[in-house]
Every structure is written in structure tokens, then in C-alpha cells.
């Protein structure tokens, strides 16, 4: 078993992330998809959103 990891990508990169995972033979890599335009959000909004997803992120790391 390797180091626990979870991918965080925006919607527009979901397909690329899935293809990269297949290419690296880690199809079961946890992936959390964030909304498009996430890079335009304020830091405060991103922090709040990540805080609301924290249980999901931790769950993906320990699964």
C-alpha cells in the first residue's frame, strides 16, 4: 500500500484526471470534483467550501 492520496480537480479536468489514473494504473484513485470556475472564487469562499467537504476528503484518504 502506498501513501494515501485524493485528487481534487475542477469539473473541466475530470476526464483528464480519469485518463491519467487509468494510464498510471490507479483507476481506484479517489477523486473529488470541484465546480468549474473554482479558481475565480475568493480565498474565503474556497476555504469554506473545502471545510464543507472535509469529511469526504478525509474519508477518501482513509478508505
Protein backbone atom coordinates (compact mmCIF):
# COMPACT_ATOMS: atom_id res chain seq x y z
CA UNK A 1 0.00 0.00 0.00
CA UNK A 2 1.28 3.45 -0.90
CA UNK A 3 0.73 6.90 0.50
CA UNK A 4 -2.94 7.87 0.81
CA UNK A 5 -3.93 10.50 -1.72
CA UNK A 6 -7.05 12.08 -3.12
CA UNK A 7 -7.27 14.13 -6.30
CA UNK A 8 -9.04 17.47 -6.28
CA UNK A 9 -9.90 18.67 -9.77
CA UNK A 10 -12.39 21.05 -11.29
CA UNK A 11 -15.19 19.71 -13.48
CA UNK A 12 -13.44 20.56 -16.73
CA UNK A 13 -10.48 18.32 -15.78
CA UNK A 14 -12.50 15.30 -14.59
CA UNK A 15 -11.93 13.36 -17.83
CA UNK A 16 -8.23 14.16 -17.91
CA UNK A 17 -7.82 13.05 -14.29
CA UNK A 18 -9.63 9.77 -15.01
CA UNK A 19 -7.47 9.16 -18.09
CA UNK A 20 -4.28 9.90 -16.16
CA UNK A 21 -5.37 7.50 -13.40
CA UNK A 22 -6.01 4.75 -15.96
CA UNK A 23 -2.63 5.41 -17.57
CA UNK A 24 -0.92 5.12 -14.20
CA UNK A 25 -2.97 2.02 -13.34
CA UNK A 26 -4.59 3.64 -10.32
CA UNK A 27 -8.19 3.57 -11.52
CA UNK A 28 -9.40 3.44 -7.92
CA UNK A 29 -7.72 6.77 -7.07
CA UNK A 30 -10.25 8.85 -5.10
CA UNK A 31 -11.26 11.97 -6.98
CA UNK A 32 -13.20 14.95 -5.66
CA UNK A 33 -14.61 17.12 -8.40
CA UNK A 34 -14.92 20.83 -7.70
CA UNK A 35 -17.14 23.20 -9.68
CA UNK A 36 -15.87 24.90 -12.82
CA UNK A 37 -14.56 28.39 -12.17
CA UNK A 38 -13.22 27.41 -8.75
CA UNK A 39 -10.01 29.33 -9.45
CA UNK A 40 -12.06 32.53 -9.60
CA UNK A 41 -13.54 32.08 -6.13
CA UNK A 42 -12.26 34.19 -3.25
CA UNK A 43 -9.92 32.55 -0.77
CA UNK A 44 -12.60 32.78 1.91
CA UNK A 45 -15.13 31.00 -0.32
CA UNK A 46 -12.63 28.26 -1.20
CA UNK A 47 -11.77 27.74 2.46
CA UNK A 48 -15.46 27.49 3.35
CA UNK A 49 -16.12 25.05 0.52
CA UNK A 50 -13.17 22.83 1.42
CA UNK A 51 -14.24 22.89 5.07
CA UNK A 52 -17.68 21.64 3.99
CA UNK A 53 -16.01 18.81 2.02
CA UNK A 54 -13.51 17.86 4.72
CA UNK A 55 -15.35 14.73 5.87
CA UNK A 56 -15.48 13.50 2.27
CA UNK A 57 -11.77 14.26 1.72
CA UNK A 58 -10.69 12.51 4.92
CA UNK A 59 -13.00 9.60 4.14
CA UNK A 60 -11.37 9.18 0.75
CA UNK A 61 -7.92 9.19 2.38
CA UNK A 62 -8.69 6.52 4.94
CA UNK A 63 -10.87 4.26 2.76
